[in-house]
Amino acid sequence: MKRVHLYISGLVQGVGFRWYARSQAAAVGGVAGFARNLPDGRVEIVAEGTAEDLDRYLDALCAGGLGANISGVEKIEEEGGAGAFRGFSIRF
């Protein structure tokens, strides 16, 4: 298991991007975590899963749909996921 922090910039607030992030996690399967808006206009995503699932998730997140609104992705990888999440949630 791995954990990644993603900081997504672009037109990602006020357009349903957090729900899109959750739906992409469900579509990939094996990805748990959360998405939340940040005060600076970015969306933070914390996701856990296998390296392969996380790569597929990032690819799905950036391809088409609301992924077209993304202008930048900062990815910070952490060793080992803590298994702290059950499913993928949206935080407010």
PDB file of N, CA and C in Angstrom:
ATOM      1  N   MET A   1       0.839  -1.191   0.000  1.00  0.00           N
ATOM      2  CA  MET A   1       0.000   0.000   0.000  1.00  0.00           C
ATOM      3  C   MET A   1       0.874   1.242   0.000  1.00  0.00           C
ATOM      4  N   LYS A   2       0.396   2.247  -0.726  1.00  0.00           N
ATOM      5  CA  LYS A   2       1.059   3.546  -0.767  1.00  0.00           C
ATOM      6  C   LYS A   2       0.023   4.622  -0.495  1.00  0.00           C
ATOM      7  N   ARG A   3       0.518   5.762  -0.094  1.00  0.00           N
ATOM      8  CA  ARG A   3      -0.345   6.933   0.077  1.00  0.00           C
ATOM      9  C   ARG A   3       0.254   8.073  -0.734  1.00  0.00           C
ATOM     10  N   VAL A   4      -0.607   8.825  -1.419  1.00  0.00           N
ATOM     11  CA  VAL A   4      -0.165  10.013  -2.139  1.00  0.00           C
ATOM     12  C   VAL A   4      -1.044  11.193  -1.754  1.00  0.00           C
ATOM     13  N   HIS A   5      -0.417  12.357  -1.736  1.00  0.00           N
ATOM     14  CA  HIS A   5      -1.129  13.622  -1.632  1.00  0.00           C
ATOM     15  C   HIS A   5      -1.067  14.256  -3.012  1.00  0.00           C
ATOM     16  N   LEU A   6      -2.218  14.643  -3.527  1.00  0.00           N
ATOM     17  CA  LEU A   6      -2.292  15.326  -4.810  1.00  0.00           C
ATOM     18  C   LEU A   6      -2.857  16.716  -4.568  1.00  0.00           C
ATOM     19  N   TYR A   7      -2.213  17.706  -5.132  1.00  0.00           N
ATOM     20  CA  TYR A   7      -2.707  19.074  -5.084  1.00  0.00           C
ATOM     21  C   TYR A   7      -3.031  19.456  -6.520  1.00  0.00           C
ATOM     22  N   ILE A   8      -4.328  19.593  -6.801  1.00  0.00           N
ATOM     23  CA  ILE A   8      -4.822  19.798  -8.153  1.00  0.00           C
ATOM     24  C   ILE A   8      -5.174  21.275  -8.330  1.00  0.00           C
ATOM     25  N   SER A   9      -4.605  21.897  -9.359  1.00  0.00           N
ATOM     26  CA  SER A   9      -4.916  23.292  -9.640  1.00  0.00           C
ATOM     27  C   SER A   9      -5.621  23.400 -10.985  1.00  0.00           C
ATOM     28  N   GLY A  10      -6.258  24.526 -11.184  1.00  0.00           N
ATOM     29  CA  GLY A  10      -7.038  24.780 -12.392  1.00  0.00           C
ATOM     30  C   GLY A  10      -8.442  25.180 -11.999  1.00  0.00           C
ATOM     31  N   LEU A  11      -9.388  24.986 -12.884  1.00  0.00           N
ATOM     32  CA  LEU A  11     -10.796  25.267 -12.593  1.00  0.00           C
ATOM     33  C   LEU A  11     -11.379  24.028 -11.919  1.00  0.00           C
ATOM     34  N   VAL A  12     -11.095  23.895 -10.617  1.00  0.00           N
ATOM     35  CA  VAL A  12     -11.455  22.672  -9.909  1.00  0.00           C
ATOM     36  C   VAL A  12     -12.342  22.915  -8.690  1.00  0.00           C
ATOM     37  N   GLN A  13     -12.731  24.148  -8.449  1.00  0.00           N
ATOM     38  CA  GLN A  13     -13.676  24.420  -7.370  1.00  0.00           C
ATOM     39  C   GLN A  13     -14.949  24.997  -7.964  1.00  0.00           C
ATOM     40  N   GLY A  14     -16.073  24.560  -7.410  1.00  0.00           N
ATOM     41  CA  GLY A  14     -17.366  25.048  -7.879  1.00  0.00           C
ATOM     42  C   GLY A  14     -17.866  24.366  -9.137  1.00  0.00           C
ATOM     43  N   VAL A  15     -17.220  23.273  -9.537  1.00  0.00           N
ATOM     44  CA  VAL A  15     -17.619  22.569 -10.763  1.00  0.00           C
ATOM     45  C   VAL A  15     -17.899  21.086 -10.519  1.00  0.00           C
ATOM     46  N   GLY A  16     -17.898  20.647  -9.249  1.00  0.00           N
ATOM     47  CA  GLY A  16     -18.140  19.237  -8.935  1.00  0.00           C
ATOM     48  C   GLY A  16     -16.907  18.361  -9.017  1.00  0.00           C
ATOM     49  N   PHE A  17     -15.732  18.978  -8.935  1.00  0.00           N
ATOM     50  CA  PHE A  17     -14.511  18.204  -9.114  1.00  0.00           C
ATOM     51  C   PHE A  17     -14.286  17.185  -7.999  1.00  0.00           C
ATOM     52  N   ARG A  18     -14.665  17.508  -6.758  1.00  0.00           N
ATOM     53  CA  ARG A  18     -14.480  16.542  -5.665  1.00  0.00           C
ATOM     54  C   ARG A  18     -15.332  15.293  -5.899  1.00  0.00           C
ATOM     55  N   TRP A  19     -16.561  15.485  -6.389  1.00  0.00           N
ATOM     56  CA  TRP A  19     -17.418  14.345  -6.685  1.00  0.00           C
ATOM     57  C   TRP A  19     -16.852  13.553  -7.864  1.00  0.00           C
ATOM     58  N   TYR A  20     -16.290  14.254  -8.814  1.00  0.00           N
ATOM     59  CA  TYR A  20     -15.619  13.596  -9.936  1.00  0.00           C
ATOM     60  C   TYR A  20     -14.450  12.754  -9.429  1.00  0.00           C
ATOM     61  N   ALA A  21     -13.662  13.305  -8.498  1.00  0.00           N
ATOM     62  CA  ALA A  21     -12.527  12.572  -7.927  1.00  0.00           C
ATOM     63  C   ALA A  21     -13.009  11.310  -7.221  1.00  0.00           C
ATOM     64  N   ARG A  22     -14.115  11.417  -6.503  1.00  0.00           N
ATOM     65  CA  ARG A  22     -14.671  10.245  -5.820  1.00  0.00           C
ATOM     66  C   ARG A  22     -15.167   9.210  -6.825  1.00  0.00           C
ATOM     67  N   SER A  23     -15.836   9.658  -7.889  1.00  0.00           N
ATOM     68  CA  SER A  23     -16.355   8.702  -8.874  1.00  0.00           C
ATOM     69  C   SER A  23     -15.218   7.998  -9.604  1.00  0.00           C
ATOM     70  N   GLN A  24     -14.116   8.691  -9.864  1.00  0.00           N
ATOM     71  CA  GLN A  24     -12.969   8.055 -10.518  1.00  0.00           C
ATOM     72  C   GLN A  24     -12.321   7.024  -9.592  1.00  0.00           C
ATOM     73  N   ALA A  25     -12.285   7.303  -8.282  1.00  0.00           N
ATOM     74  CA  ALA A  25     -11.757   6.326  -7.319  1.00  0.00           C
ATOM     75  C   ALA A  25     -12.613   5.068  -7.335  1.00  0.00           C
ATOM     76  N   ALA A  26     -13.930   5.235  -7.395  1.00  0.00           N
ATOM     77  CA  ALA A  26     -14.830   4.083  -7.447  1.00  0.00           C
ATOM     78  C   ALA A  26     -14.657   3.304  -8.743  1.00  0.00           C
ATOM     79  N   ALA A  27     -14.460   4.023  -9.851  1.00  0.00           N
ATOM     80  CA  ALA A  27     -14.297   3.362 -11.143  1.00  0.00           C
ATOM     81  C   ALA A  27     -13.022   2.536 -11.198  1.00  0.00           C
ATOM     82  N   VAL A  28     -11.951   3.061 -10.624  1.00  0.00           N
ATOM     83  CA  VAL A  28     -10.682   2.327 -10.603  1.00  0.00           C
ATOM     84  C   VAL A  28     -10.764   1.176  -9.618  1.00  0.00           C
ATOM     85  N   GLY A  29     -11.396   1.409  -8.475  1.00  0.00           N
ATOM     86  CA  GLY A  29     -11.466   0.408  -7.413  1.00  0.00           C
ATOM     87  C   GLY A  29     -10.125   0.320  -6.696  1.00  0.00           C
ATOM     88  N   GLY A  30     -10.150  -0.075  -5.449  1.00  0.00           N
ATOM     89  CA  GLY A  30      -8.913  -0.230  -4.703  1.00  0.00           C
ATOM     90  C   GLY A  30      -8.279   1.064  -4.236  1.00  0.00           C
ATOM     91  N   VAL A  31      -8.952   2.203  -4.455  1.00  0.00           N
ATOM     92  CA  VAL A  31      -8.422   3.503  -4.037  1.00  0.00           C
ATOM     93  C   VAL A  31      -9.342   4.061  -2.955  1.00  0.00           C
ATOM     94  N   ALA A  32      -8.757   4.416  -1.822  1.00  0.00           N
ATOM     95  CA  ALA A  32      -9.503   4.997  -0.703  1.00  0.00           C
ATOM     96  C   ALA A  32      -8.854   6.322  -0.340  1.00  0.00           C
ATOM     97  N   GLY A  33      -9.620   7.213   0.284  1.00  0.00           N
ATOM     98  CA  GLY A  33      -9.063   8.490   0.708  1.00  0.00           C
ATOM     99  C   GLY A  33     -10.109   9.561   0.746  1.00  0.00           C
ATOM    100  N   PHE A  34      -9.713  10.797   0.422  1.00  0.00           N
ATOM    101  CA  PHE A  34     -10.650  11.908   0.435  1.00  0.00           C
ATOM    102  C   PHE A  34     -10.188  13.016  -0.497  1.00  0.00           C
ATOM    103  N   ALA A  35     -11.140  13.902  -0.819  1.00  0.00           N
ATOM    104  CA  ALA A  35     -10.869  15.117  -1.590  1.00  0.00           C
ATOM    105  C   ALA A  35     -11.484  16.283  -0.844  1.00  0.00           C
ATOM    106  N   ARG A  36     -10.779  17.417  -0.842  1.00  0.00           N
ATOM    107  CA  ARG A  36     -11.332  18.619  -0.218  1.00  0.00           C
ATOM    108  C   ARG A  36     -10.805  19.863  -0.908  1.00  0.00           C
ATOM    109  N   ASN A  37     -11.610  20.920  -0.850  1.00  0.00           N
ATOM    110  CA  ASN A  37     -11.201  22.212  -1.384  1.00  0.00           C
ATOM    111  C   ASN A  37     -10.214  22.872  -0.431  1.00  0.00           C
ATOM    112  N   LEU A  38      -9.261  23.583  -0.997  1.00  0.00           N
ATOM    113  CA  LEU A  38      -8.312  24.367  -0.214  1.00  0.00           C
ATOM    114  C   LEU A  38      -8.614  25.849  -0.403  1.00  0.00           C
ATOM    115  N   PRO A  39      -8.273  26.680   0.589  1.00  0.00           N
ATOM    116  CA  PRO A  39      -8.562  28.112   0.483  1.00  0.00           C
ATOM    117  C   PRO A  39      -7.907  28.806  -0.711  1.00  0.00           C
ATOM    118  N   ASP A  40      -6.820  28.241  -1.241  1.00  0.00           N
ATOM    119  CA  ASP A  40      -6.112  28.883  -2.355  1.00  0.00           C
ATOM    120  C   ASP A  40      -6.680  28.513  -3.729  1.00  0.00           C
ATOM    121  N   GLY A  41      -7.797  27.787  -3.766  1.00  0.00           N
ATOM    122  CA  GLY A  41      -8.440  27.446  -5.034  1.00  0.00           C
ATOM    123  C   GLY A  41      -8.088  26.077  -5.571  1.00  0.00           C
ATOM    124  N   ARG A  42      -7.146  25.380  -4.938  1.00  0.00           N
ATOM    125  CA  ARG A  42      -6.795  24.028  -5.367  1.00  0.00           C
ATOM    126  C   ARG A  42      -7.684  23.007  -4.650  1.00  0.00           C
ATOM    127  N   VAL A  43      -7.622  21.772  -5.124  1.00  0.00           N
ATOM    128  CA  VAL A  43      -8.256  20.647  -4.457  1.00  0.00           C
ATOM    129  C   VAL A  43      -7.146  19.723  -3.981  1.00  0.00           C
ATOM    130  N   GLU A  44      -7.237  19.317  -2.721  1.00  0.00           N
ATOM    131  CA  GLU A  44      -6.297  18.349  -2.158  1.00  0.00           C
ATOM    132  C   GLU A  44      -6.956  16.979  -2.183  1.00  0.00           C
ATOM    133  N   ILE A  45      -6.212  16.000  -2.660  1.00  0.00           N
ATOM    134  CA  ILE A  45      -6.669  14.616  -2.644  1.00  0.00           C
ATOM    135  C   ILE A  45      -5.624  13.802  -1.905  1.00  0.00           C
ATOM    136  N   VAL A  46      -6.064  13.035  -0.920  1.00  0.00           N
ATOM    137  CA  VAL A  46      -5.207  12.067  -0.250  1.00  0.00           C
ATOM    138  C   VAL A  46      -5.769  10.705  -0.628  1.00  0.00           C
ATOM    139  N   ALA A  47      -4.932   9.875  -1.225  1.00  0.00           N
ATOM    140  CA  ALA A  47      -5.400   8.584  -1.721  1.00  0.00           C
ATOM    141  C   ALA A  47      -4.438   7.480  -1.330  1.00  0.00           C
ATOM    142  N   GLU A  48      -5.004   6.327  -1.006  1.00  0.00           N
ATOM    143  CA  GLU A  48      -4.221   5.140  -0.679  1.00  0.00           C
ATOM    144  C   GLU A  48      -4.642   3.991  -1.578  1.00  0.00           C
ATOM    145  N   GLY A  49      -3.678   3.145  -1.885  1.00  0.00           N
ATOM    146  CA  GLY A  49      -3.932   1.968  -2.700  1.00  0.00           C
ATOM    147  C   GLY A  49      -2.615   1.375  -3.140  1.00  0.00           C
ATOM    148  N   THR A  50      -2.684   0.392  -3.999  1.00  0.00           N
ATOM    149  CA  THR A  50      -1.449  -0.152  -4.550  1.00  0.00           C
ATOM    150  C   THR A  50      -0.863   0.874  -5.518  1.00  0.00           C
ATOM    151  N   ALA A  51       0.398   0.748  -5.809  1.00  0.00           N
ATOM    152  CA  ALA A  51       1.044   1.671  -6.749  1.00  0.00           C
ATOM    153  C   ALA A  51       0.322   1.648  -8.092  1.00  0.00           C
ATOM    154  N   GLU A  52      -0.086   0.469  -8.542  1.00  0.00           N
ATOM    155  CA  GLU A  52      -0.768   0.343  -9.823  1.00  0.00           C
ATOM    156  C   GLU A  52      -2.133   1.023  -9.795  1.00  0.00           C
ATOM    157  N   ASP A  53      -2.902   0.813  -8.710  1.00  0.00           N
ATOM    158  CA  ASP A  53      -4.214   1.446  -8.597  1.00  0.00           C
ATOM    159  C   ASP A  53      -4.090   2.964  -8.543  1.00  0.00           C
ATOM    160  N   LEU A  54      -3.092   3.468  -7.817  1.00  0.00           N
ATOM    161  CA  LEU A  54      -2.906   4.916  -7.722  1.00  0.00           C
ATOM    162  C   LEU A  54      -2.501   5.512  -9.070  1.00  0.00           C
ATOM    163  N   ASP A  55      -1.673   4.813  -9.823  1.00  0.00           N
ATOM    164  CA  ASP A  55      -1.309   5.289 -11.160  1.00  0.00           C
ATOM    165  C   ASP A  55      -2.534   5.328 -12.069  1.00  0.00           C
ATOM    166  N   ARG A  56      -3.349   4.276 -12.015  1.00  0.00           N
ATOM    167  CA  ARG A  56      -4.574   4.240 -12.822  1.00  0.00           C
ATOM    168  C   ARG A  56      -5.535   5.352 -12.398  1.00  0.00           C
ATOM    169  N   TYR A  57      -5.604   5.612 -11.093  1.00  0.00           N
ATOM    170  CA  TYR A  57      -6.474   6.671 -10.586  1.00  0.00           C
ATOM    171  C   TYR A  57      -6.031   8.027 -11.111  1.00  0.00           C
ATOM    172  N   LEU A  58      -4.762   8.323 -11.036  1.00  0.00           N
ATOM    173  CA  LEU A  58      -4.266   9.614 -11.514  1.00  0.00           C
ATOM    174  C   LEU A  58      -4.505   9.757 -13.016  1.00  0.00           C
ATOM    175  N   ASP A  59      -4.275   8.687 -13.759  1.00  0.00           N
ATOM    176  CA  ASP A  59      -4.554   8.726 -15.206  1.00  0.00           C
ATOM    177  C   ASP A  59      -6.034   9.001 -15.473  1.00  0.00           C
ATOM    178  N   ALA A  60      -6.916   8.315 -14.736  1.00  0.00           N
ATOM    179  CA  ALA A  60      -8.354   8.499 -14.926  1.00  0.00           C
ATOM    180  C   ALA A  60      -8.791   9.898 -14.516  1.00  0.00           C
ATOM    181  N   LEU A  61      -8.205  10.406 -13.454  1.00  0.00           N
ATOM    182  CA  LEU A  61      -8.554  11.729 -12.947  1.00  0.00           C
ATOM    183  C   LEU A  61      -8.232  12.824 -13.960  1.00  0.00           C
ATOM    184  N   CYS A  62      -7.142  12.668 -14.675  1.00  0.00           N
ATOM    185  CA  CYS A  62      -6.672  13.706 -15.603  1.00  0.00           C
ATOM    186  C   CYS A  62      -7.198  13.551 -17.021  1.00  0.00           C
ATOM    187  N   ALA A  63      -7.837  12.434 -17.319  1.00  0.00           N
ATOM    188  CA  ALA A  63      -8.296  12.173 -18.685  1.00  0.00           C
ATOM    189  C   ALA A  63      -9.750  12.599 -18.856  1.00  0.00           C
ATOM    190  N   GLY A  64     -10.006  13.464 -19.788  1.00  0.00           N
ATOM    191  CA  GLY A  64     -11.365  13.825 -20.156  1.00  0.00           C
ATOM    192  C   GLY A  64     -12.207  14.349 -19.002  1.00  0.00           C
ATOM    193  N   GLY A  65     -13.488  14.471 -19.231  1.00  0.00           N
ATOM    194  CA  GLY A  65     -14.408  14.935 -18.199  1.00  0.00           C
ATOM    195  C   GLY A  65     -13.903  16.196 -17.522  1.00  0.00           C
ATOM    196  N   LEU A  66     -14.041  16.263 -16.216  1.00  0.00           N
ATOM    197  CA  LEU A  66     -13.554  17.410 -15.469  1.00  0.00           C
ATOM    198  C   LEU A  66     -12.035  17.442 -15.402  1.00  0.00           C
ATOM    199  N   GLY A  67     -11.389  16.366 -15.798  1.00  0.00           N
ATOM    200  CA  GLY A  67      -9.929  16.363 -15.882  1.00  0.00           C
ATOM    201  C   GLY A  67      -9.415  17.410 -16.857  1.00  0.00           C
ATOM    202  N   ALA A  68     -10.250  17.805 -17.801  1.00  0.00           N
ATOM    203  CA  ALA A  68      -9.853  18.845 -18.755  1.00  0.00           C
ATOM    204  C   ALA A  68      -9.663  20.198 -18.073  1.00  0.00           C
ATOM    205  N   ASN A  69     -10.217  20.356 -16.870  1.00  0.00           N
ATOM    206  CA  ASN A  69     -10.085  21.604 -16.124  1.00  0.00           C
ATOM    207  C   ASN A  69      -8.769  21.707 -15.359  1.00  0.00           C
ATOM    208  N   ILE A  70      -8.018  20.634 -15.297  1.00  0.00           N
ATOM    209  CA  ILE A  70      -6.787  20.609 -14.511  1.00  0.00           C
ATOM    210  C   ILE A  70      -5.681  21.344 -15.252  1.00  0.00           C
ATOM    211  N   SER A  71      -5.021  22.263 -14.552  1.00  0.00           N
ATOM    212  CA  SER A  71      -3.867  22.940 -15.145  1.00  0.00           C
ATOM    213  C   SER A  71      -2.556  22.476 -14.510  1.00  0.00           C
ATOM    214  N   GLY A  72      -2.631  21.816 -13.361  1.00  0.00           N
ATOM    215  CA  GLY A  72      -1.417  21.334 -12.719  1.00  0.00           C
ATOM    216  C   GLY A  72      -1.718  20.308 -11.648  1.00  0.00           C
ATOM    217  N   VAL A  73      -0.776  19.375 -11.476  1.00  0.00           N
ATOM    218  CA  VAL A  73      -0.885  18.359 -10.437  1.00  0.00           C
ATOM    219  C   VAL A  73       0.447  18.287  -9.714  1.00  0.00           C
ATOM    220  N   GLU A  74       0.407  18.527  -8.426  1.00  0.00           N
ATOM    221  CA  GLU A  74       1.591  18.316  -7.591  1.00  0.00           C
ATOM    222  C   GLU A  74       1.358  17.007  -6.848  1.00  0.00           C
ATOM    223  N   LYS A  75       2.262  16.078  -7.007  1.00  0.00           N
ATOM    224  CA  LYS A  75       2.110  14.746  -6.415  1.00  0.00           C
ATOM    225  C   LYS A  75       3.206  14.533  -5.392  1.00  0.00           C
ATOM    226  N   ILE A  76       2.803  14.274  -4.161  1.00  0.00           N
ATOM    227  CA  ILE A  76       3.744  13.981  -3.087  1.00  0.00           C
ATOM    228  C   ILE A  76       3.472  12.553  -2.640  1.00  0.00           C
ATOM    229  N   GLU A  77       4.444  11.672  -2.866  1.00  0.00           N
ATOM    230  CA  GLU A  77       4.274  10.272  -2.498  1.00  0.00           C
ATOM    231  C   GLU A  77       4.812  10.025  -1.106  1.00  0.00           C
ATOM    232  N   GLU A  78       4.106   9.188  -0.390  1.00  0.00           N
ATOM    233  CA  GLU A  78       4.555   8.753   0.917  1.00  0.00           C
ATOM    234  C   GLU A  78       4.709   7.248   0.888  1.00  0.00           C
ATOM    235  N   GLU A  79       5.701   6.756   1.588  1.00  0.00           N
ATOM    236  CA  GLU A  79       5.883   5.314   1.671  1.00  0.00           C
ATOM    237  C   GLU A  79       4.790   4.716   2.540  1.00  0.00           C
ATOM    238  N   GLY A  80       4.252   3.635   2.091  1.00  0.00           N
ATOM    239  CA  GLY A  80       3.287   2.879   2.881  1.00  0.00           C
ATOM    240  C   GLY A  80       2.029   3.633   3.233  1.00  0.00           C
ATOM    241  N   GLY A  81       0.903   3.114   2.810  1.00  0.00           N
ATOM    242  CA  GLY A  81      -0.382   3.673   3.224  1.00  0.00           C
ATOM    243  C   GLY A  81      -0.725   3.157   4.607  1.00  0.00           C
ATOM    244  N   ALA A  82      -1.337   3.980   5.369  1.00  0.00           N
ATOM    245  CA  ALA A  82      -1.674   3.608   6.738  1.00  0.00           C
ATOM    246  C   ALA A  82      -2.947   2.778   6.813  1.00  0.00           C
ATOM    247  N   GLY A  83      -3.690   2.685   5.731  1.00  0.00           N
ATOM    248  CA  GLY A  83      -4.956   1.956   5.751  1.00  0.00           C
ATOM    249  C   GLY A  83      -6.007   2.667   6.589  1.00  0.00           C
ATOM    250  N   ALA A  84      -5.891   3.981   6.684  1.00  0.00           N
ATOM    251  CA  ALA A  84      -6.771   4.767   7.547  1.00  0.00           C
ATOM    252  C   ALA A  84      -8.141   5.032   6.932  1.00  0.00           C
ATOM    253  N   PHE A  85      -8.327   4.761   5.660  1.00  0.00           N
ATOM    254  CA  PHE A  85      -9.557   5.140   4.975  1.00  0.00           C
ATOM    255  C   PHE A  85     -10.368   3.911   4.582  1.00  0.00           C
ATOM    256  N   ARG A  86     -11.678   4.044   4.688  1.00  0.00           N
ATOM    257  CA  ARG A  86     -12.597   3.053   4.166  1.00  0.00           C
ATOM    258  C   ARG A  86     -13.406   3.773   3.099  1.00  0.00           C
ATOM    259  N   GLY A  87     -13.122   3.480   1.863  1.00  0.00           N
ATOM    260  CA  GLY A  87     -13.802   4.170   0.770  1.00  0.00           C
ATOM    261  C   GLY A  87     -13.182   5.523   0.502  1.00  0.00           C
ATOM    262  N   PHE A  88     -13.858   6.291  -0.319  1.00  0.00           N
ATOM    263  CA  PHE A  88     -13.368   7.608  -0.717  1.00  0.00           C
ATOM    264  C   PHE A  88     -14.434   8.631  -0.366  1.00  0.00           C
ATOM    265  N   SER A  89     -14.066   9.645   0.406  1.00  0.00           N
ATOM    266  CA  SER A  89     -15.045  10.614   0.879  1.00  0.00           C
ATOM    267  C   SER A  89     -14.710  12.019   0.387  1.00  0.00           C
ATOM    268  N   ILE A  90     -15.692  12.891   0.554  1.00  0.00           N
ATOM    269  CA  ILE A  90     -15.535  14.302   0.245  1.00  0.00           C
ATOM    270  C   ILE A  90     -15.573  15.038   1.574  1.00  0.00           C
ATOM    271  N   ARG A  91     -14.559  15.849   1.799  1.00  0.00           N
ATOM    272  CA  ARG A  91     -14.491  16.619   3.041  1.00  0.00           C
ATOM    273  C   ARG A  91     -14.799  18.070   2.753  1.00  0.00           C
ATOM    274  N   PHE A  92     -15.412  18.696   3.719  1.00  0.00           N
ATOM    275  CA  PHE A  92     -15.810  20.094   3.587  1.00  0.00           C
ATOM    276  C   PHE A  92     -15.016  20.951   4.551  1.00  0.00           C
TER     277      PHE A  92
END
